[in-house]
Structures are given as structure tokens and as C-alpha cells.
Amino acid sequence: KRKAKDGDTNQARFMDTFKHPYETFYGQREFKRYLEQNGFKVLRT
């Protein structure tokens, strides 16, 4: 729980990492399938 201080350039990173209102997480193969289902060929991960 890194403490974000006013004026600290890490404040934005803290908010993005710990306080974001919307996040989705994927399995490695799951997101590969998602790309393939949407018309992509995955070259490398």
C-alpha cells in the first residue's frame, strides 16, 4: 500500500495500480483465443 503524496510523480501510478474503477484480468491462453476469435493470428507472446 504505497503511500501517494501530493506532487509525487508516483501518485498517478499508485492510482492506476490500486484505485482504478475498471480492470479486467486474463489467462495467457484465454486472451490469445480472444484475439483469434476476433480475426487475429497471434505471432508471439
All heavy atoms as atom14 arrays in JSON, in Angstrom:
{
  "sequence": "KRKAKDGDTNQARFMDTFKHPYETFYGQREFKRYLEQNGFKVLRT",
  "atom14_mask": [
    [1, 1, 1, 1, 1, 1, 1, 1, 1, 0, 0, 0, 0, 0],
    [1, 1, 1, 1, 1, 1, 1, 1, 1, 1, 1, 0, 0, 0],
    [1, 1, 1, 1, 1, 1, 1, 1, 1, 0, 0, 0, 0, 0],
    [1, 1, 1, 1, 1, 0, 0, 0, 0, 0, 0, 0, 0, 0],
    [1, 1, 1, 1, 1, 1, 1, 1, 1, 0, 0, 0, 0, 0],
    [1, 1, 1, 1, 1, 1, 1, 1, 0, 0, 0, 0, 0, 0],
    [1, 1, 1, 1, 0, 0, 0, 0, 0, 0, 0, 0, 0, 0],
    [1, 1, 1, 1, 1, 1, 1, 1, 0, 0, 0, 0, 0, 0],
    [1, 1, 1, 1, 1, 1, 1, 0, 0, 0, 0, 0, 0, 0],
    [1, 1, 1, 1, 1, 1, 1, 1, 0, 0, 0, 0, 0, 0],
    [1, 1, 1, 1, 1, 1, 1, 1, 1, 0, 0, 0, 0, 0],
    [1, 1, 1, 1, 1, 0, 0, 0, 0, 0, 0, 0, 0, 0],
    [1, 1, 1, 1, 1, 1, 1, 1, 1, 1, 1, 0, 0, 0],
    [1, 1, 1, 1, 1, 1, 1, 1, 1, 1, 1, 0, 0, 0],
    [1, 1, 1, 1, 1, 1, 1, 1, 0, 0, 0, 0, 0, 0],
    [1, 1, 1, 1, 1, 1, 1, 1, 0, 0, 0, 0, 0, 0],
    [1, 1, 1, 1, 1, 1, 1, 0, 0, 0, 0, 0, 0, 0],
    [1, 1, 1, 1, 1, 1, 1, 1, 1, 1, 1, 0, 0, 0],
    [1, 1, 1, 1, 1, 1, 1, 1, 1, 0, 0, 0, 0, 0],
    [1, 1, 1, 1, 1, 1, 1, 1, 1, 1, 0, 0, 0, 0],
    [1, 1, 1, 1, 1, 1, 1, 0, 0, 0, 0, 0, 0, 0],
    [1, 1, 1, 1, 1, 1, 1, 1, 1, 1, 1, 1, 0, 0],
    [1, 1, 1, 1, 1, 1, 1, 1, 1, 0, 0, 0, 0, 0],
    [1, 1, 1, 1, 1, 1, 1, 0, 0, 0, 0, 0, 0, 0],
    [1, 1, 1, 1, 1, 1, 1, 1, 1, 1, 1, 0, 0, 0],
    [1, 1, 1, 1, 1, 1, 1, 1, 1, 1, 1, 1, 0, 0],
    [1, 1, 1, 1, 0, 0, 0, 0, 0, 0, 0, 0, 0, 0],
    [1, 1, 1, 1, 1, 1, 1, 1, 1, 0, 0, 0, 0, 0],
    [1, 1, 1, 1, 1, 1, 1, 1, 1, 1, 1, 0, 0, 0],
    [1, 1, 1, 1, 1, 1, 1, 1, 1, 0, 0, 0, 0, 0],
    [1, 1, 1, 1, 1, 1, 1, 1, 1, 1, 1, 0, 0, 0],
    [1, 1, 1, 1, 1, 1, 1, 1, 1, 0, 0, 0, 0, 0],
    [1, 1, 1, 1, 1, 1, 1, 1, 1, 1, 1, 0, 0, 0],
    [1, 1, 1, 1, 1, 1, 1, 1, 1, 1, 1, 1, 0, 0],
    [1, 1, 1, 1, 1, 1, 1, 1, 0, 0, 0, 0, 0, 0],
    [1, 1, 1, 1, 1, 1, 1, 1, 1, 0, 0, 0, 0, 0],
    [1, 1, 1, 1, 1, 1, 1, 1, 1, 0, 0, 0, 0, 0],
    [1, 1, 1, 1, 1, 1, 1, 1, 0, 0, 0, 0, 0, 0],
    [1, 1, 1, 1, 0, 0, 0, 0, 0, 0, 0, 0, 0, 0],
    [1, 1, 1, 1, 1, 1, 1, 1, 1, 1, 1, 0, 0, 0],
    [1, 1, 1, 1, 1, 1, 1, 1, 1, 0, 0, 0, 0, 0],
    [1, 1, 1, 1, 1, 1, 1, 0, 0, 0, 0, 0, 0, 0],
    [1, 1, 1, 1, 1, 1, 1, 1, 0, 0, 0, 0, 0, 0],
    [1, 1, 1, 1, 1, 1, 1, 1, 1, 1, 1, 0, 0, 0],
    [1, 1, 1, 1, 1, 1, 1, 0, 0, 0, 0, 0, 0, 0]
  ],
  "atom14_positions": [
    [[0.86, -1.18, 0.0], [0.0, 0.0, 0.0], [0.89, 1.23, 0.0], [1.0, 1.95, 0.99], [-0.91, 0.01, 1.25], [-1.93, -1.12, 1.26], [-2.97, -0.96, 0.17], [-3.99, -2.07, 0.21], [-5.01, -1.96, -0.86], [0.0, 0.0, 0.0], [0.0, 0.0, 0.0], [0.0, 0.0, 0.0], [0.0, 0.0, 0.0], [0.0, 0.0, 0.0]],
    [[1.58, 1.45, -1.12], [2.47, 2.6, -1.22], [1.68, 3.89, -0.99], [0.61, 4.08, -1.55], [3.14, 2.64, -2.59], [4.15, 1.53, -2.81], [4.71, 1.59, -4.21], [3.64, 1.38, -5.19], [3.79, 1.62, -6.48], [4.89, 2.14, -6.94], [2.79, 1.38, -7.32], [0.0, 0.0, 0.0], [0.0, 0.0, 0.0], [0.0, 0.0, 0.0]],
    [[2.22, 4.75, -0.17], [1.54, 6.0, 0.15], [1.82, 7.03, -0.93], [2.96, 7.37, -1.2], [2.0, 6.53, 1.5], [1.23, 7.76, 1.97], [1.69, 8.19, 3.35], [0.89, 9.41, 3.82], [1.34, 9.86, 5.16], [0.0, 0.0, 0.0], [0.0, 0.0, 0.0], [0.0, 0.0, 0.0], [0.0, 0.0, 0.0], [0.0, 0.0, 0.0]],
    [[0.76, 7.51, -1.57], [0.9, 8.53, -2.61], [0.87, 9.91, -1.96], [-0.05, 10.24, -1.23], [-0.23, 8.4, -3.62], [0.0, 0.0, 0.0], [0.0, 0.0, 0.0], [0.0, 0.0, 0.0], [0.0, 0.0, 0.0], [0.0, 0.0, 0.0], [0.0, 0.0, 0.0], [0.0, 0.0, 0.0], [0.0, 0.0, 0.0], [0.0, 0.0, 0.0]],
    [[1.89, 10.69, -2.23], [1.97, 12.03, -1.67], [1.65, 13.06, -2.74], [1.93, 12.86, -3.92], [3.37, 12.28, -1.11], [3.77, 11.3, -0.01], [5.18, 11.58, 0.47], [5.58, 10.59, 1.56], [6.97, 10.81, 2.03], [0.0, 0.0, 0.0], [0.0, 0.0, 0.0], [0.0, 0.0, 0.0], [0.0, 0.0, 0.0], [0.0, 0.0, 0.0]],
    [[1.09, 14.19, -2.33], [0.8, 15.27, -3.26], [2.09, 15.71, -3.95], [3.1, 15.97, -3.3], [0.18, 16.46, -2.52], [-1.22, 16.15, -2.02], [-1.83, 15.21, -2.56], [-1.69, 16.84, -1.11], [0.0, 0.0, 0.0], [0.0, 0.0, 0.0], [0.0, 0.0, 0.0], [0.0, 0.0, 0.0], [0.0, 0.0, 0.0], [0.0, 0.0, 0.0]],
    [[2.02, 15.8, -5.27], [3.18, 16.23, -6.03], [4.14, 15.12, -6.38], [5.07, 15.31, -7.16], [0.0, 0.0, 0.0], [0.0, 0.0, 0.0], [0.0, 0.0, 0.0], [0.0, 0.0, 0.0], [0.0, 0.0, 0.0], [0.0, 0.0, 0.0], [0.0, 0.0, 0.0], [0.0, 0.0, 0.0], [0.0, 0.0, 0.0], [0.0, 0.0, 0.0]],
    [[3.95, 13.95, -5.83], [4.8, 12.8, -6.12], [4.42, 12.26, -7.48], [3.26, 11.98, -7.75], [4.6, 11.73, -5.04], [5.58, 10.57, -5.19], [6.23, 10.47, -6.24], [5.67, 9.78, -4.24], [0.0, 0.0, 0.0], [0.0, 0.0, 0.0], [0.0, 0.0, 0.0], [0.0, 0.0, 0.0], [0.0, 0.0, 0.0], [0.0, 0.0, 0.0]],
    [[5.41, 12.07, -8.38], [5.1, 11.58, -9.71], [4.57, 10.15, -9.67], [3.99, 9.68, -10.63], [6.34, 11.63, -10.63], [7.4, 10.9, -10.01], [6.77, 13.05, -10.88], [0.0, 0.0, 0.0], [0.0, 0.0, 0.0], [0.0, 0.0, 0.0], [0.0, 0.0, 0.0], [0.0, 0.0, 0.0], [0.0, 0.0, 0.0], [0.0, 0.0, 0.0]],
    [[4.78, 9.44, -8.53], [4.26, 8.09, -8.41], [2.77, 8.07, -8.06], [2.16, 7.01, -8.01], [5.02, 7.31, -7.33], [6.41, 6.93, -7.78], [6.62, 6.71, -8.96], [7.34, 6.87, -6.85], [0.0, 0.0, 0.0], [0.0, 0.0, 0.0], [0.0, 0.0, 0.0], [0.0, 0.0, 0.0], [0.0, 0.0, 0.0], [0.0, 0.0, 0.0]],
    [[2.2, 9.24, -7.79], [0.79, 9.28, -7.41], [-0.09, 8.74, -8.52], [-1.03, 7.97, -8.27], [0.38, 10.71, -7.06], [-1.03, 10.81, -6.48], [-1.35, 12.2, -5.99], [-0.77, 13.18, -6.44], [-2.27, 12.28, -5.05], [0.0, 0.0, 0.0], [0.0, 0.0, 0.0], [0.0, 0.0, 0.0], [0.0, 0.0, 0.0], [0.0, 0.0, 0.0]],
    [[0.2, 9.12, -9.76], [-0.58, 8.63, -10.88], [-0.46, 7.12, -11.01], [-1.44, 6.42, -11.26], [-0.14, 9.31, -12.17], [0.0, 0.0, 0.0], [0.0, 0.0, 0.0], [0.0, 0.0, 0.0], [0.0, 0.0, 0.0], [0.0, 0.0, 0.0], [0.0, 0.0, 0.0], [0.0, 0.0, 0.0], [0.0, 0.0, 0.0], [0.0, 0.0, 0.0]],
    [[0.75, 6.61, -10.81], [0.96, 5.16, -10.9], [0.23, 4.44, -9.77], [-0.32, 3.35, -9.97], [2.46, 4.86, -10.88], [2.81, 3.47, -11.37], [4.31, 3.31, -11.5], [4.86, 4.19, -12.5], [4.85, 3.95, -13.81], [4.28, 2.85, -14.26], [5.38, 4.8, -14.66], [0.0, 0.0, 0.0], [0.0, 0.0, 0.0], [0.0, 0.0, 0.0]],
    [[0.23, 5.04, -8.59], [-0.49, 4.46, -7.45], [-1.98, 4.37, -7.76], [-2.62, 3.34, -7.53], [-0.26, 5.33, -6.2], [-1.05, 4.89, -5.01], [-0.53, 3.94, -4.13], [-2.31, 5.4, -4.74], [-1.26, 3.52, -3.02], [-3.04, 4.99, -3.65], [-2.52, 4.05, -2.78], [0.0, 0.0, 0.0], [0.0, 0.0, 0.0], [0.0, 0.0, 0.0]],
    [[-2.56, 5.44, -8.29], [-3.99, 5.46, -8.58], [-4.33, 4.47, -9.68], [-5.34, 3.77, -9.62], [-4.43, 6.88, -8.97], [-4.26, 7.91, -7.87], [-5.16, 7.53, -6.34], [-6.87, 7.64, -6.91], [0.0, 0.0, 0.0], [0.0, 0.0, 0.0], [0.0, 0.0, 0.0], [0.0, 0.0, 0.0], [0.0, 0.0, 0.0], [0.0, 0.0, 0.0]],
    [[-3.49, 4.4, -10.71], [-3.73, 3.47, -11.81], [-3.63, 2.03, -11.33], [-4.41, 1.17, -11.76], [-2.7, 3.72, -12.92], [-2.86, 2.78, -14.09], [-3.7, 3.05, -14.96], [-2.15, 1.75, -14.13], [0.0, 0.0, 0.0], [0.0, 0.0, 0.0], [0.0, 0.0, 0.0], [0.0, 0.0, 0.0], [0.0, 0.0, 0.0], [0.0, 0.0, 0.0]],
    [[-2.71, 1.75, -10.41], [-2.48, 0.39, -9.95], [-3.49, -0.07, -8.91], [-4.01, -1.18, -8.98], [-1.06, 0.25, -9.37], [-0.11, 0.63, -10.37], [-0.79, -1.18, -8.92], [0.0, 0.0, 0.0], [0.0, 0.0, 0.0], [0.0, 0.0, 0.0], [0.0, 0.0, 0.0], [0.0, 0.0, 0.0], [0.0, 0.0, 0.0], [0.0, 0.0, 0.0]],
    [[-3.8, 0.81, -7.94], [-4.59, 0.37, -6.79], [-6.01, 0.93, -6.74], [-6.85, 0.4, -6.01], [-3.86, 0.75, -5.5], [-2.55, 0.06, -5.32], [-1.37, 0.76, -5.46], [-2.48, -1.29, -5.02], [-0.14, 0.13, -5.3], [-1.27, -1.94, -4.86], [-0.09, -1.22, -5.01], [0.0, 0.0, 0.0], [0.0, 0.0, 0.0], [0.0, 0.0, 0.0]],
    [[-6.3, 1.99, -7.49], [-7.59, 2.66, -7.34], [-8.38, 2.77, -8.64], [-9.28, 3.6, -8.75], [-7.37, 4.07, -6.77], [-6.68, 4.12, -5.41], [-7.55, 3.53, -4.32], [-6.89, 3.67, -2.96], [-7.74, 3.13, -1.87], [0.0, 0.0, 0.0], [0.0, 0.0, 0.0], [0.0, 0.0, 0.0], [0.0, 0.0, 0.0], [0.0, 0.0, 0.0]],
    [[-8.03, 1.97, -9.61], [-8.7, 2.08, -10.92], [-10.14, 1.57, -10.83], [-10.4, 0.53, -10.23], [-7.94, 1.29, -11.98], [-8.15, 1.82, -13.36], [-9.33, 1.65, -14.04], [-7.33, 2.55, -14.16], [-9.23, 2.23, -15.22], [-8.03, 2.79, -15.32], [0.0, 0.0, 0.0], [0.0, 0.0, 0.0], [0.0, 0.0, 0.0], [0.0, 0.0, 0.0]],
    [[-11.11, 2.31, -11.44], [-12.52, 1.9, -11.34], [-12.89, 0.7, -12.2], [-13.94, 0.09, -12.0], [-13.28, 3.15, -11.8], [-12.31, 3.87, -12.68], [-10.96, 3.63, -12.08], [0.0, 0.0, 0.0], [0.0, 0.0, 0.0], [0.0, 0.0, 0.0], [0.0, 0.0, 0.0], [0.0, 0.0, 0.0], [0.0, 0.0, 0.0], [0.0, 0.0, 0.0]],
    [[-12.02, 0.34, -13.18], [-12.38, -0.8, -14.04], [-11.12, -1.53, -14.48], [-10.2, -0.95, -15.07], [-13.14, -0.34, -15.28], [-13.62, -1.49, -16.14], [-14.83, -2.13, -15.88], [-12.83, -1.97, -17.2], [-15.25, -3.21, -16.64], [-13.25, -3.05, -17.97], [-14.46, -3.66, -17.68], [-14.88, -4.73, -18.43], [0.0, 0.0, 0.0], [0.0, 0.0, 0.0]],
    [[-11.08, -2.83, -14.21], [-9.96, -3.68, -14.62], [-10.47, -5.05, -15.03], [-11.41, -5.56, -14.43], [-8.94, -3.84, -13.48], [-8.27, -2.55, -13.07], [-7.36, -2.75, -11.87], [-7.71, -3.58, -11.0], [-6.33, -2.08, -11.78], [0.0, 0.0, 0.0], [0.0, 0.0, 0.0], [0.0, 0.0, 0.0], [0.0, 0.0, 0.0], [0.0, 0.0, 0.0]],
    [[-9.83, -5.64, -16.03], [-10.13, -7.0, -16.45], [-8.83, -7.79, -16.47], [-7.79, -7.27, -16.88], [-10.76, -7.01, -17.86], [-11.84, -6.09, -17.91], [-11.28, -8.4, -18.19], [0.0, 0.0, 0.0], [0.0, 0.0, 0.0], [0.0, 0.0, 0.0], [0.0, 0.0, 0.0], [0.0, 0.0, 0.0], [0.0, 0.0, 0.0], [0.0, 0.0, 0.0]],
    [[-8.87, -9.03, -16.03], [-7.68, -9.88, -15.99], [-7.9, -11.11, -16.86], [-9.01, -11.65, -16.94], [-7.39, -10.3, -14.54], [-7.09, -9.14, -13.63], [-8.12, -8.43, -13.05], [-5.79, -8.78, -13.37], [-7.86, -7.35, -12.21], [-5.5, -7.7, -12.52], [-6.55, -6.99, -11.94], [0.0, 0.0, 0.0], [0.0, 0.0, 0.0], [0.0, 0.0, 0.0]],
    [[-6.83, -11.58, -17.51], [-6.96, -12.66, -18.47], [-5.92, -13.76, -18.22], [-4.82, -13.49, -17.74], [-6.74, -12.14, -19.9], [-7.73, -11.09, -20.33], [-7.46, -9.74, -20.12], [-8.93, -11.44, -20.94], [-8.36, -8.77, -20.51], [-9.83, -10.47, -21.34], [-9.54, -9.13, -21.13], [-10.43, -8.17, -21.51], [0.0, 0.0, 0.0], [0.0, 0.0, 0.0]],
    [[-6.29, -14.97, -18.61], [-5.32, -16.04, -18.69], [-4.55, -15.89, -19.99], [-5.08, -15.34, -20.97], [0.0, 0.0, 0.0], [0.0, 0.0, 0.0], [0.0, 0.0, 0.0], [0.0, 0.0, 0.0], [0.0, 0.0, 0.0], [0.0, 0.0, 0.0], [0.0, 0.0, 0.0], [0.0, 0.0, 0.0], [0.0, 0.0, 0.0], [0.0, 0.0, 0.0]],
    [[-3.32, -16.4, -20.05], [-2.5, -16.22, -21.24], [-3.14, -16.85, -22.48], [-3.22, -16.22, -23.53], [-1.11, -16.82, -21.02], [-0.14, -16.53, -22.16], [1.29, -16.9, -21.8], [1.59, -17.24, -20.67], [2.17, -16.82, -22.77], [0.0, 0.0, 0.0], [0.0, 0.0, 0.0], [0.0, 0.0, 0.0], [0.0, 0.0, 0.0], [0.0, 0.0, 0.0]],
    [[-3.63, -18.07, -22.34], [-4.28, -18.73, -23.48], [-5.65, -18.12, -23.74], [-6.11, -18.05, -24.89], [-4.42, -20.22, -23.2], [-3.09, -20.96, -23.17], [-3.28, -22.45, -22.91], [-2.02, -23.16, -22.87], [-1.9, -24.45, -22.62], [-3.0, -25.17, -22.38], [-0.71, -25.02, -22.59], [0.0, 0.0, 0.0], [0.0, 0.0, 0.0], [0.0, 0.0, 0.0]],
    [[-6.32, -17.66, -22.68], [-7.65, -17.06, -22.81], [-7.6, -15.83, -23.72], [-8.43, -15.68, -24.63], [-8.18, -16.67, -21.44], [-9.52, -15.93, -21.47], [-9.91, -15.38, -20.11], [-9.08, -15.44, -19.17], [-11.04, -14.88, -19.98], [0.0, 0.0, 0.0], [0.0, 0.0, 0.0], [0.0, 0.0, 0.0], [0.0, 0.0, 0.0], [0.0, 0.0, 0.0]],
    [[-6.63, -14.95, -23.48], [-6.57, -13.74, -24.29], [-6.08, -14.05, -25.71], [-6.51, -13.41, -26.67], [-5.67, -12.68, -23.65], [-5.84, -11.33, -24.28], [-6.97, -10.56, -24.02], [-4.89, -10.83, -25.16], [-7.15, -9.31, -24.61], [-5.05, -9.59, -25.75], [-6.19, -8.83, -25.48], [0.0, 0.0, 0.0], [0.0, 0.0, 0.0], [0.0, 0.0, 0.0]],
    [[-5.24, -15.05, -25.85], [-4.82, -15.48, -27.19], [-6.05, -15.95, -27.98], [-6.22, -15.59, -29.16], [-3.79, -16.6, -27.09], [-3.28, -17.12, -28.43], [-2.19, -18.17, -28.2], [-1.63, -18.67, -29.53], [-2.58, -19.51, -30.27], [0.0, 0.0, 0.0], [0.0, 0.0, 0.0], [0.0, 0.0, 0.0], [0.0, 0.0, 0.0], [0.0, 0.0, 0.0]],
    [[-6.91, -16.74, -27.36], [-8.14, -17.2, -28.03], [-9.04, -16.02, -28.36], [-9.68, -15.99, -29.42], [-8.89, -18.2, -27.14], [-8.24, -19.58, -27.07], [-9.21, -20.61, -26.48], [-9.64, -20.24, -25.14], [-9.01, -20.63, -24.04], [-7.92, -21.39, -24.13], [-9.46, -20.27, -22.85], [0.0, 0.0, 0.0], [0.0, 0.0, 0.0], [0.0, 0.0, 0.0]],
    [[-9.1, -15.05, -27.45], [-9.93, -13.86, -27.68], [-9.47, -13.13, -28.94], [-10.3, -12.73, -29.78], [-9.87, -12.94, -26.47], [-10.64, -11.65, -26.65], [-12.02, -11.64, -26.58], [-9.97, -10.45, -26.88], [-12.74, -10.45, -26.75], [-10.67, -9.27, -27.05], [-12.05, -9.28, -26.98], [-12.74, -8.12, -27.16], [0.0, 0.0, 0.0], [0.0, 0.0, 0.0]],
    [[-8.18, -12.95, -29.12], [-7.66, -12.31, -30.31], [-7.97, -13.14, -31.55], [-8.39, -12.6, -32.59], [-6.15, -12.1, -30.18], [-5.69, -11.04, -29.18], [-4.16, -11.06, -29.05], [-6.17, -9.65, -29.57], [0.0, 0.0, 0.0], [0.0, 0.0, 0.0], [0.0, 0.0, 0.0], [0.0, 0.0, 0.0], [0.0, 0.0, 0.0], [0.0, 0.0, 0.0]],
    [[-7.79, -14.44, -31.46], [-8.05, -15.32, -32.6], [-9.53, -15.31, -32.98], [-9.87, -15.31, -34.17], [-7.59, -16.74, -32.28], [-6.08, -16.86, -32.15], [-5.64, -18.21, -31.61], [-6.47, -18.92, -31.02], [-4.45, -18.54, -31.77], [0.0, 0.0, 0.0], [0.0, 0.0, 0.0], [0.0, 0.0, 0.0], [0.0, 0.0, 0.0], [0.0, 0.0, 0.0]],
    [[-10.41, -15.26, -32.0], [-11.85, -15.21, -32.27], [-12.25, -13.89, -32.93], [-13.31, -13.81, -33.55], [-12.62, -15.4, -30.97], [-12.54, -16.81, -30.41], [-13.02, -16.91, -28.99], [-13.41, -15.91, -28.36], [-12.99, -18.11, -28.42], [0.0, 0.0, 0.0], [0.0, 0.0, 0.0], [0.0, 0.0, 0.0], [0.0, 0.0, 0.0], [0.0, 0.0, 0.0]],
    [[-11.41, -12.89, -32.78], [-11.69, -11.59, -33.38], [-10.87, -11.32, -34.64], [-10.69, -10.17, -35.05], [-11.45, -10.48, -32.36], [-12.6, -10.35, -31.37], [-13.59, -9.69, -31.64], [-12.47, -11.02, -30.23], [0.0, 0.0, 0.0], [0.0, 0.0, 0.0], [0.0, 0.0, 0.0], [0.0, 0.0, 0.0], [0.0, 0.0, 0.0], [0.0, 0.0, 0.0]],
    [[-10.39, -12.4, -35.26], [-9.77, -12.28, -36.58], [-8.27, -12.07, -36.62], [-7.74, -11.68, -37.66], [0.0, 0.0, 0.0], [0.0, 0.0, 0.0], [0.0, 0.0, 0.0], [0.0, 0.0, 0.0], [0.0, 0.0, 0.0], [0.0, 0.0, 0.0], [0.0, 0.0, 0.0], [0.0, 0.0, 0.0], [0.0, 0.0, 0.0], [0.0, 0.0, 0.0]],
    [[-7.57, -12.33, -35.52], [-6.13, -12.14, -35.48], [-5.38, -13.46, -35.44], [-5.88, -14.46, -34.92], [-5.72, -11.33, -34.24], [-6.12, -9.88, -34.29], [-7.34, -9.47, -33.75], [-5.29, -8.93, -34.86], [-7.71, -8.14, -33.79], [-5.65, -7.6, -34.9], [-6.87, -7.2, -34.37], [0.0, 0.0, 0.0], [0.0, 0.0, 0.0], [0.0, 0.0, 0.0]],
    [[-4.18, -13.45, -36.0], [-3.24, -14.55, -35.82], [-2.16, -14.06, -34.86], [-1.49, -13.06, -35.13], [-2.6, -14.95, -37.15], [-1.54, -16.05, -36.99], [-0.89, -16.39, -38.33], [0.18, -17.47, -38.14], [0.85, -17.8, -39.43], [0.0, 0.0, 0.0], [0.0, 0.0, 0.0], [0.0, 0.0, 0.0], [0.0, 0.0, 0.0], [0.0, 0.0, 0.0]],
    [[-2.01, -14.74, -33.73], [-1.02, -14.34, -32.74], [0.36, -14.83, -33.18], [0.55, -16.01, -33.46], [-1.38, -14.88, -31.35], [-0.26, -14.58, -30.35], [-2.7, -14.28, -30.88], [0.0, 0.0, 0.0], [0.0, 0.0, 0.0], [0.0, 0.0, 0.0], [0.0, 0.0, 0.0], [0.0, 0.0, 0.0], [0.0, 0.0, 0.0], [0.0, 0.0, 0.0]],
    [[1.31, -13.9, -33.25], [2.65, -14.22, -33.69], [3.56, -14.63, -32.54], [4.39, -15.54, -32.67], [3.27, -13.01, -34.41], [2.44, -12.42, -35.55], [3.11, -11.17, -36.09], [2.26, -13.45, -36.66], [0.0, 0.0, 0.0], [0.0, 0.0, 0.0], [0.0, 0.0, 0.0], [0.0, 0.0, 0.0], [0.0, 0.0, 0.0], [0.0, 0.0, 0.0]],
    [[3.42, -13.92, -31.42], [4.31, -14.19, -30.29], [3.7, -13.61, -29.02], [2.94, -12.65, -29.06], [5.67, -13.53, -30.53], [6.77, -13.98, -29.56], [8.12, -13.42, -29.95], [9.17, -13.9, -29.05], [10.42, -13.48, -29.05], [10.8, -12.58, -29.95], [11.3, -13.96, -28.2], [0.0, 0.0, 0.0], [0.0, 0.0, 0.0], [0.0, 0.0, 0.0]],
    [[4.01, -14.22, -27.89], [3.57, -13.69, -26.6], [4.79, -13.46, -25.72], [5.82, -14.11, -25.89], [2.61, -14.66, -25.89], [3.31, -15.87, -25.59], [1.41, -14.97, -26.77], [0.0, 0.0, 0.0], [0.0, 0.0, 0.0], [0.0, 0.0, 0.0], [0.0, 0.0, 0.0], [0.0, 0.0, 0.0], [0.0, 0.0, 0.0], [0.0, 0.0, 0.0]]
  ]
}
